[in-house]
Amino acid sequence: MISLLKIYKFLLHVVLKLAGIRPQTIEIEPGTIINIWVSTKTANHTSNQRKKPAVVFLHGFCFDGILTWQFQALALAKDYSVYLPDFPFFGGSITDKNERSMEFQAECMAKALRKLGVEKCILVGLSYGGMVCFKMAEMYPDLVEGMVVTCSVMALTESISNAGLERIGFTSWADYLLPDSVNGVDTLLRVVAYSLPKLPNWIYKELLERMFNYRKEKVELLKALVISDKEFTIPSYQQVLILILICHFCFYFFW
């Protein structure tokens, strides 16, 4: 059976490359490889492009960088140096490390950007990526000039986690975000999307087969995400921060 998702991604890759955005694979340390789509002129270090502001798009928990931010990257590529990395265990990024914390994700992103010569950047994060934004801003204030964060929180504390799970009717984030059946994918989409029409089951099946790999590692990422309320204190951010709220409880780790 023809995979529409594979065809779409192929066409998307062509369009991105025509817009001057190409993938790079960066080994930030032995055993950890980060896949990142970068403006071509940035990769070639031309002086003209280097003067453009760097905008880094950080994806949510289900889709990789380019599937999440394709339209925004294409819209901004002319006037900005755009970067679309994949977190480890998403898209083309991988690590053999056992670390699963937010700190590790932030460190991976910062190291990849440093290797590409990025000195200052604006972070744009959705859901899970928004939390990485907050952590990067806290850990690397010299790198992060500002943030645009949507559908996210500073940290997933136990009280926020419990309230979110109760609201959507799940006992764990893994049960919600890592479905193992067609019905599970349908439920995931219906929880997060407003007035989503019923889609054919073959679409859900293809998403299930192609979008939910590295299940064991992603379960570990979700477990490491929740921290006790006592562990969390609000950092003093030095950066400009824009928060975009879309729904009453807009924390669902999607896209």
C-alpha atoms as a PDB file:
ATOM      1  CA  MET A   1       0.000   0.000   0.000  1.00  0.00           C
ATOM      2  CA  ILE A   2       1.242   3.465  -0.900  1.00  0.00           C
ATOM      3  CA  SER A   3       2.228   5.510   2.137  1.00  0.00           C
ATOM      4  CA  LEU A   4       0.740   8.982   1.883  1.00  0.00           C
ATOM      5  CA  LEU A   5       2.831  10.099   4.845  1.00  0.00           C
ATOM      6  CA  LYS A   6       6.050   9.040   3.108  1.00  0.00           C
ATOM      7  CA  ILE A   7       4.973  10.811  -0.076  1.00  0.00           C
ATOM      8  CA  TYR A   8       4.076  13.948   1.859  1.00  0.00           C
ATOM      9  CA  LYS A   9       7.398  13.983   3.707  1.00  0.00           C
ATOM     10  CA  PHE A  10       9.280  13.487   0.435  1.00  0.00           C
ATOM     11  CA  LEU A  11       7.484  16.443  -1.153  1.00  0.00           C
ATOM     12  CA  LEU A  12       7.992  18.504   2.002  1.00  0.00           C
ATOM     13  CA  HIS A  13      11.728  17.811   1.918  1.00  0.00           C
ATOM     14  CA  VAL A  14      11.839  18.991  -1.698  1.00  0.00           C
ATOM     15  CA  VAL A  15       9.988  22.213  -0.868  1.00  0.00           C
ATOM     16  CA  LEU A  16      12.217  22.922   2.134  1.00  0.00           C
ATOM     17  CA  LYS A  17      15.360  22.409   0.080  1.00  0.00           C
ATOM     18  CA  LEU A  18      14.055  24.730  -2.620  1.00  0.00           C
ATOM     19  CA  ALA A  19      13.538  27.312   0.121  1.00  0.00           C
ATOM     20  CA  GLY A  20      17.170  26.889   1.185  1.00  0.00           C
ATOM     21  CA  ILE A  21      16.580  24.704   4.251  1.00  0.00           C
ATOM     22  CA  ARG A  22      18.537  21.442   4.346  1.00  0.00           C
ATOM     23  CA  PRO A  23      19.190  18.692   6.909  1.00  0.00           C
ATOM     24  CA  GLN A  24      22.443  18.267   8.784  1.00  0.00           C
ATOM     25  CA  THR A  25      23.518  15.452  11.069  1.00  0.00           C
ATOM     26  CA  ILE A  26      25.672  16.580  13.973  1.00  0.00           C
ATOM     27  CA  GLU A  27      27.452  14.322  16.430  1.00  0.00           C
ATOM     28  CA  ILE A  28      27.493  16.532  19.487  1.00  0.00           C
ATOM     29  CA  GLU A  29      29.340  13.855  21.477  1.00  0.00           C
ATOM     30  CA  PRO A  30      30.131  10.180  20.953  1.00  0.00           C
ATOM     31  CA  GLY A  31      26.844   8.260  20.778  1.00  0.00           C
ATOM     32  CA  THR A  32      24.575  11.298  20.457  1.00  0.00           C
ATOM     33  CA  ILE A  33      23.548  12.479  17.000  1.00  0.00           C
ATOM     34  CA  ILE A  34      21.216  15.396  16.373  1.00  0.00           C
ATOM     35  CA  ASN A  35      19.365  15.857  13.096  1.00  0.00           C
ATOM     36  CA  ILE A  36      18.646  19.490  12.350  1.00  0.00           C
ATOM     37  CA  TRP A  37      17.274  21.332   9.339  1.00  0.00           C
ATOM     38  CA  VAL A  38      19.198  24.549   8.764  1.00  0.00           C
ATOM     39  CA  SER A  39      19.068  27.477   6.384  1.00  0.00           C
ATOM     40  CA  THR A  40      21.599  26.603   3.668  1.00  0.00           C
ATOM     41  CA  LYS A  41      23.434  29.923   3.750  1.00  0.00           C
ATOM     42  CA  THR A  42      23.774  29.568   7.507  1.00  0.00           C
ATOM     43  CA  ALA A  43      25.406  26.188   7.043  1.00  0.00           C
ATOM     44  CA  ASN A  44      27.823  27.719   4.542  1.00  0.00           C
ATOM     45  CA  HIS A  45      28.652  30.569   6.916  1.00  0.00           C
ATOM     46  CA  THR A  46      28.098  33.357   4.411  1.00  0.00           C
ATOM     47  CA  SER A  47      28.474  36.721   6.069  1.00  0.00           C
ATOM     48  CA  ASN A  48      25.151  37.998   4.765  1.00  0.00           C
ATOM     49  CA  GLN A  49      23.135  35.196   6.286  1.00  0.00           C
ATOM     50  CA  ARG A  50      25.022  35.259   9.561  1.00  0.00           C
ATOM     51  CA  LYS A  51      23.622  38.719  10.240  1.00  0.00           C
ATOM     52  CA  LYS A  52      20.068  37.422  10.136  1.00  0.00           C
ATOM     53  CA  PRO A  53      18.453  36.651  13.515  1.00  0.00           C
ATOM     54  CA  ALA A  54      18.550  32.959  14.389  1.00  0.00           C
ATOM     55  CA  VAL A  55      15.182  31.370  15.151  1.00  0.00           C
ATOM     56  CA  VAL A  56      15.148  27.841  16.596  1.00  0.00           C
ATOM     57  CA  PHE A  57      11.902  25.846  16.454  1.00  0.00           C
ATOM     58  CA  LEU A  58      11.453  23.108  19.078  1.00  0.00           C
ATOM     59  CA  HIS A  59       8.767  20.508  18.415  1.00  0.00           C
ATOM     60  CA  GLY A  60       6.207  18.764  20.616  1.00  0.00           C
ATOM     61  CA  PHE A  61       6.111  15.131  21.684  1.00  0.00           C
ATOM     62  CA  CYS A  62       4.489  13.448  18.679  1.00  0.00           C
ATOM     63  CA  PHE A  63       5.905  14.935  15.482  1.00  0.00           C
ATOM     64  CA  ASP A  64       9.479  15.836  14.561  1.00  0.00           C
ATOM     65  CA  GLY A  65      10.828  19.306  13.804  1.00  0.00           C
ATOM     66  CA  ILE A  66       9.868  19.754  10.171  1.00  0.00           C
ATOM     67  CA  LEU A  67       6.413  18.193  10.458  1.00  0.00           C
ATOM     68  CA  THR A  68       5.639  20.469  13.405  1.00  0.00           C
ATOM     69  CA  TRP A  69       7.069  23.728  12.074  1.00  0.00           C
ATOM     70  CA  GLN A  70       7.063  23.350   8.272  1.00  0.00           C
ATOM     71  CA  PHE A  71       4.850  26.356   7.526  1.00  0.00           C
ATOM     72  CA  GLN A  72       6.544  28.688   9.979  1.00  0.00           C
ATOM     73  CA  ALA A  73      10.004  27.733   8.719  1.00  0.00           C
ATOM     74  CA  LEU A  74       9.024  28.365   5.098  1.00  0.00           C
ATOM     75  CA  ALA A  75       7.460  31.708   6.023  1.00  0.00           C
ATOM     76  CA  LEU A  76      10.528  32.945   7.918  1.00  0.00           C
ATOM     77  CA  ALA A  77      13.375  31.436   5.884  1.00  0.00           C
ATOM     78  CA  LYS A  78      13.837  34.541   3.733  1.00  0.00           C
ATOM     79  CA  ASP A  79      14.459  36.938   6.619  1.00  0.00           C
ATOM     80  CA  TYR A  80      15.766  34.666   9.385  1.00  0.00           C
ATOM     81  CA  SER A  81      18.261  31.891   9.884  1.00  0.00           C
ATOM     82  CA  VAL A  82      15.918  29.044  10.784  1.00  0.00           C
ATOM     83  CA  TYR A  83      16.846  25.892  12.682  1.00  0.00           C
ATOM     84  CA  LEU A  84      14.554  22.885  13.140  1.00  0.00           C
ATOM     85  CA  PRO A  85      16.221  20.242  15.320  1.00  0.00           C
ATOM     86  CA  ASP A  86      14.832  16.871  16.355  1.00  0.00           C
ATOM     87  CA  PHE A  87      15.114  15.860  19.997  1.00  0.00           C
ATOM     88  CA  PRO A  88      16.806  12.516  20.689  1.00  0.00           C
ATOM     89  CA  PHE A  89      14.415   9.637  19.796  1.00  0.00           C
ATOM     90  CA  PHE A  90      12.454  11.878  17.433  1.00  0.00           C
ATOM     91  CA  GLY A  91      12.965  12.241  13.711  1.00  0.00           C
ATOM     92  CA  GLY A  92      16.606  11.581  12.864  1.00  0.00           C
ATOM     93  CA  SER A  93      18.140  12.167  16.314  1.00  0.00           C
ATOM     94  CA  ILE A  94      19.399   9.401  18.586  1.00  0.00           C
ATOM     95  CA  THR A  95      21.540   8.855  21.673  1.00  0.00           C
ATOM     96  CA  ASP A  96      23.004   5.860  23.469  1.00  0.00           C
ATOM     97  CA  LYS A  97      22.959   7.739  26.771  1.00  0.00           C
ATOM     98  CA  ASN A  98      20.539   6.740  29.538  1.00  0.00           C
ATOM     99  CA  GLU A  99      19.786  10.356  30.411  1.00  0.00           C
ATOM    100  CA  ARG A 100      16.153  11.387  29.803  1.00  0.00           C
ATOM    101  CA  SER A 101      15.806  14.684  31.667  1.00  0.00           C
ATOM    102  CA  MET A 102      14.818  18.106  30.402  1.00  0.00           C
ATOM    103  CA  GLU A 103      18.351  19.217  31.215  1.00  0.00           C
ATOM    104  CA  PHE A 104      19.729  16.621  28.799  1.00  0.00           C
ATOM    105  CA  GLN A 105      17.400  17.703  26.000  1.00  0.00           C
ATOM    106  CA  ALA A 106      18.370  21.339  26.555  1.00  0.00           C
ATOM    107  CA  GLU A 107      22.045  20.418  26.572  1.00  0.00           C
ATOM    108  CA  CYS A 108      21.709  18.496  23.287  1.00  0.00           C
ATOM    109  CA  MET A 109      20.026  21.440  21.587  1.00  0.00           C
ATOM    110  CA  ALA A 110      22.566  23.945  22.892  1.00  0.00           C
ATOM    111  CA  LYS A 111      25.541  21.819  21.837  1.00  0.00           C
ATOM    112  CA  ALA A 112      24.131  21.311  18.340  1.00  0.00           C
ATOM    113  CA  LEU A 113      23.529  25.036  17.917  1.00  0.00           C
ATOM    114  CA  ARG A 114      27.017  25.857  19.184  1.00  0.00           C
ATOM    115  CA  LYS A 115      28.530  23.458  16.664  1.00  0.00           C
ATOM    116  CA  LEU A 116      26.647  25.310  13.935  1.00  0.00           C
ATOM    117  CA  GLY A 117      28.129  28.585  15.140  1.00  0.00           C
ATOM    118  CA  VAL A 118      24.969  30.027  16.684  1.00  0.00           C
ATOM    119  CA  GLU A 119      25.856  32.622  19.303  1.00  0.00           C
ATOM    120  CA  LYS A 120      22.410  34.101  20.005  1.00  0.00           C
ATOM    121  CA  CYS A 121      18.944  32.859  19.119  1.00  0.00           C
ATOM    122  CA  ILE A 122      15.217  33.157  19.649  1.00  0.00           C
ATOM    123  CA  LEU A 123      13.529  29.923  20.709  1.00  0.00           C
ATOM    124  CA  VAL A 124      10.034  28.968  19.559  1.00  0.00           C
ATOM    125  CA  GLY A 125       8.603  25.995  21.423  1.00  0.00           C
ATOM    126  CA  LEU A 126       5.367  24.014  21.355  1.00  0.00           C
ATOM    127  CA  SER A 127       4.261  21.906  24.334  1.00  0.00           C
ATOM    128  CA  TYR A 128       7.169  19.545  25.151  1.00  0.00           C
ATOM    129  CA  GLY A 129       9.429  21.835  23.123  1.00  0.00           C
ATOM    130  CA  GLY A 130       8.208  24.773  25.185  1.00  0.00           C
ATOM    131  CA  MET A 131       9.505  23.157  28.355  1.00  0.00           C
ATOM    132  CA  VAL A 132      12.862  22.625  26.672  1.00  0.00           C
ATOM    133  CA  CYS A 133      12.784  26.337  25.779  1.00  0.00           C
ATOM    134  CA  PHE A 134      12.354  27.269  29.427  1.00  0.00           C
ATOM    135  CA  LYS A 135      15.161  24.934  30.479  1.00  0.00           C
ATOM    136  CA  MET A 136      17.523  26.248  27.790  1.00  0.00           C
ATOM    137  CA  ALA A 137      16.816  29.828  28.807  1.00  0.00           C
ATOM    138  CA  GLU A 138      17.619  28.915  32.407  1.00  0.00           C
ATOM    139  CA  MET A 139      20.779  26.954  31.599  1.00  0.00           C
ATOM    140  CA  TYR A 140      22.147  29.033  28.699  1.00  0.00           C
ATOM    141  CA  PRO A 141      21.176  32.691  29.159  1.00  0.00           C
ATOM    142  CA  ASP A 142      24.088  33.744  26.953  1.00  0.00           C
ATOM    143  CA  LEU A 143      22.648  31.731  24.043  1.00  0.00           C
ATOM    144  CA  VAL A 144      18.917  32.420  24.392  1.00  0.00           C
ATOM    145  CA  GLU A 145      17.829  36.000  23.728  1.00  0.00           C
ATOM    146  CA  GLY A 146      14.109  35.403  23.867  1.00  0.00           C
ATOM    147  CA  MET A 147      11.349  32.793  23.729  1.00  0.00           C
ATOM    148  CA  VAL A 148       7.949  32.308  22.150  1.00  0.00           C
ATOM    149  CA  VAL A 149       6.188  29.442  23.939  1.00  0.00           C
ATOM    150  CA  THR A 150       2.740  27.990  23.326  1.00  0.00           C
ATOM    151  CA  CYS A 151       0.678  25.178  24.889  1.00  0.00           C
ATOM    152  CA  SER A 152       3.278  24.551  27.562  1.00  0.00           C
ATOM    153  CA  VAL A 153       4.340  25.054  31.147  1.00  0.00           C
ATOM    154  CA  MET A 154       7.668  25.846  32.791  1.00  0.00           C
ATOM    155  CA  ALA A 155       7.808  22.373  34.307  1.00  0.00           C
ATOM    156  CA  LEU A 156       5.461  19.418  34.596  1.00  0.00           C
ATOM    157  CA  THR A 157       4.973  19.225  38.337  1.00  0.00           C
ATOM    158  CA  GLU A 158       2.964  16.425  39.922  1.00  0.00           C
ATOM    159  CA  SER A 159      -0.003  18.697  40.598  1.00  0.00           C
ATOM    160  CA  ILE A 160      -0.107  19.967  37.001  1.00  0.00           C
ATOM    161  CA  SER A 161       0.362  16.436  35.676  1.00  0.00           C
ATOM    162  CA  ASN A 162      -2.419  14.965  37.818  1.00  0.00           C
ATOM    163  CA  ALA A 163      -4.821  17.753  36.870  1.00  0.00           C
ATOM    164  CA  GLY A 164      -4.066  17.329  33.178  1.00  0.00           C
ATOM    165  CA  LEU A 165      -4.476  13.568  33.205  1.00  0.00           C
ATOM    166  CA  GLU A 166      -7.745  13.793  35.120  1.00  0.00           C
ATOM    167  CA  ARG A 167      -9.058  16.326  32.629  1.00  0.00           C
ATOM    168  CA  ILE A 168      -8.377  14.142  29.577  1.00  0.00           C
ATOM    169  CA  GLY A 169      -9.257  10.857  31.270  1.00  0.00           C
ATOM    170  CA  PHE A 170      -5.919   9.009  31.299  1.00  0.00           C
ATOM    171  CA  THR A 171      -3.845   7.492  34.081  1.00  0.00           C
ATOM    172  CA  SER A 172      -0.455   8.231  32.507  1.00  0.00           C
ATOM    173  CA  TRP A 173       1.007  10.430  29.776  1.00  0.00           C
ATOM    174  CA  ALA A 174       2.382   7.356  28.000  1.00  0.00           C
ATOM    175  CA  ASP A 175      -1.123   5.883  27.657  1.00  0.00           C
ATOM    176  CA  TYR A 176      -2.252   9.097  25.993  1.00  0.00           C
ATOM    177  CA  LEU A 177       0.784  10.094  23.905  1.00  0.00           C
ATOM    178  CA  LEU A 178       1.998   6.658  22.838  1.00  0.00           C
ATOM    179  CA  PRO A 179      -1.114   4.835  21.611  1.00  0.00           C
ATOM    180  CA  ASP A 180      -0.783   1.185  20.632  1.00  0.00           C
ATOM    181  CA  SER A 181      -3.984   0.886  18.601  1.00  0.00           C
ATOM    182  CA  VAL A 182      -5.952   2.656  15.894  1.00  0.00           C
ATOM    183  CA  ASN A 183      -8.547   3.673  18.486  1.00  0.00           C
ATOM    184  CA  GLY A 184      -5.762   5.123  20.631  1.00  0.00           C
ATOM    185  CA  VAL A 185      -4.555   7.337  17.775  1.00  0.00           C
ATOM    186  CA  ASP A 186      -8.140   8.441  17.137  1.00  0.00           C
ATOM    187  CA  THR A 187      -8.548   9.346  20.805  1.00  0.00           C
ATOM    188  CA  LEU A 188      -5.248  11.256  20.838  1.00  0.00           C
ATOM    189  CA  LEU A 189      -6.304  13.380  17.882  1.00  0.00           C
ATOM    190  CA  ARG A 190      -9.797  13.972  19.209  1.00  0.00           C
ATOM    191  CA  VAL A 191      -8.529  15.128  22.612  1.00  0.00           C
ATOM    192  CA  VAL A 192      -6.109  17.635  21.170  1.00  0.00           C
ATOM    193  CA  ALA A 193      -7.940  18.885  18.068  1.00  0.00           C
ATOM    194  CA  TYR A 194     -11.042  21.057  18.031  1.00  0.00           C
ATOM    195  CA  SER A 195     -13.950  19.562  16.030  1.00  0.00           C
ATOM    196  CA  LEU A 196     -11.738  17.068  14.200  1.00  0.00           C
ATOM    197  CA  PRO A 197     -13.826  15.035  11.738  1.00  0.00           C
ATOM    198  CA  LYS A 198     -13.664  11.259  11.826  1.00  0.00           C
ATOM    199  CA  LEU A 199     -10.797  10.094   9.607  1.00  0.00           C
ATOM    200  CA  PRO A 200     -10.487   6.751   7.803  1.00  0.00           C
ATOM    201  CA  ASN A 201      -8.897   4.043   9.954  1.00  0.00           C
ATOM    202  CA  TRP A 202      -6.050   3.553   7.470  1.00  0.00           C
ATOM    203  CA  ILE A 203      -4.815   7.063   8.253  1.00  0.00           C
ATOM    204  CA  TYR A 204      -4.710   6.278  11.974  1.00  0.00           C
ATOM    205  CA  LYS A 205      -2.990   2.969  11.197  1.00  0.00           C
ATOM    206  CA  GLU A 206      -0.277   4.666   9.161  1.00  0.00           C
ATOM    207  CA  LEU A 207       0.333   7.245  11.889  1.00  0.00           C
ATOM    208  CA  LEU A 208       0.545   4.436  14.429  1.00  0.00           C
ATOM    209  CA  GLU A 209       3.095   2.527  12.365  1.00  0.00           C
ATOM    210  CA  ARG A 210       5.298   5.466  11.414  1.00  0.00           C
ATOM    211  CA  MET A 211       5.083   8.095  14.166  1.00  0.00           C
ATOM    212  CA  PHE A 212       5.365   6.169  17.435  1.00  0.00           C
ATOM    213  CA  ASN A 213       8.766   4.490  17.292  1.00  0.00           C
ATOM    214  CA  TYR A 214      11.305   4.355  20.163  1.00  0.00           C
ATOM    215  CA  ARG A 215       8.410   3.613  22.498  1.00  0.00           C
ATOM    216  CA  LYS A 216      10.558   2.409  25.416  1.00  0.00           C
ATOM    217  CA  GLU A 217      12.762   5.497  25.330  1.00  0.00           C
ATOM    218  CA  LYS A 218       9.792   7.839  24.977  1.00  0.00           C
ATOM    219  CA  VAL A 219       8.066   6.244  27.966  1.00  0.00           C
ATOM    220  CA  GLU A 220      11.262   6.958  29.926  1.00  0.00           C
ATOM    221  CA  LEU A 221      11.238  10.561  28.693  1.00  0.00           C
ATOM    222  CA  LEU A 222       7.675  11.007  29.933  1.00  0.00           C
ATOM    223  CA  LYS A 223       8.437   9.468  33.318  1.00  0.00           C
ATOM    224  CA  ALA A 224      11.442  11.764  33.749  1.00  0.00           C
ATOM    225  CA  LEU A 225       9.306  14.753  32.837  1.00  0.00           C
ATOM    226  CA  VAL A 226       7.155  14.768  35.961  1.00  0.00           C
ATOM    227  CA  ILE A 227       8.800  16.327  39.008  1.00  0.00           C
ATOM    228  CA  SER A 228       7.526  16.946  42.524  1.00  0.00           C
ATOM    229  CA  ASP A 229       6.040  20.313  43.332  1.00  0.00           C
ATOM    230  CA  LYS A 230       8.735  20.845  45.953  1.00  0.00           C
ATOM    231  CA  GLU A 231      11.498  20.443  43.358  1.00  0.00           C
ATOM    232  CA  PHE A 232      10.259  23.304  41.219  1.00  0.00           C
ATOM    233  CA  THR A 233      11.068  26.955  41.765  1.00  0.00           C
ATOM    234  CA  ILE A 234      10.392  29.639  39.182  1.00  0.00           C
ATOM    235  CA  PRO A 235      13.697  30.764  37.642  1.00  0.00           C
ATOM    236  CA  SER A 236      14.494  34.409  37.092  1.00  0.00           C
ATOM    237  CA  TYR A 237      14.554  34.608  33.316  1.00  0.00           C
ATOM    238  CA  GLN A 238      16.629  37.344  31.734  1.00  0.00           C
ATOM    239  CA  GLN A 239      15.083  36.897  28.285  1.00  0.00           C
ATOM    240  CA  VAL A 240      12.055  38.380  26.594  1.00  0.00           C
ATOM    241  CA  LEU A 241       9.231  35.839  26.885  1.00  0.00           C
ATOM    242  CA  ILE A 242       6.008  35.614  24.875  1.00  0.00           C
ATOM    243  CA  LEU A 243       3.414  33.073  26.027  1.00  0.00           C
ATOM    244  CA  ILE A 244       0.611  32.063  23.678  1.00  0.00           C
ATOM    245  CA  LEU A 245      -2.368  30.305  25.264  1.00  0.00           C
ATOM    246  CA  ILE A 246      -4.784  28.518  22.947  1.00  0.00           C
ATOM    247  CA  CYS A 247      -7.220  26.632  25.192  1.00  0.00           C
ATOM    248  CA  HIS A 248      -8.430  26.395  28.800  1.00  0.00           C
ATOM    249  CA  PHE A 249      -5.940  23.674  29.613  1.00  0.00           C
ATOM    250  CA  CYS A 250      -3.481  23.909  26.754  1.00  0.00           C
ATOM    251  CA  PHE A 251      -0.945  21.306  27.831  1.00  0.00           C
ATOM    252  CA  TYR A 252      -1.347  18.212  25.722  1.00  0.00           C
ATOM    253  CA  PHE A 253       2.122  17.598  24.236  1.00  0.00           C
ATOM    254  CA  PHE A 254       0.893  17.397  20.670  1.00  0.00           C
ATOM    255  CA  TRP A 255       2.242  18.200  17.205  1.00  0.00           C
END
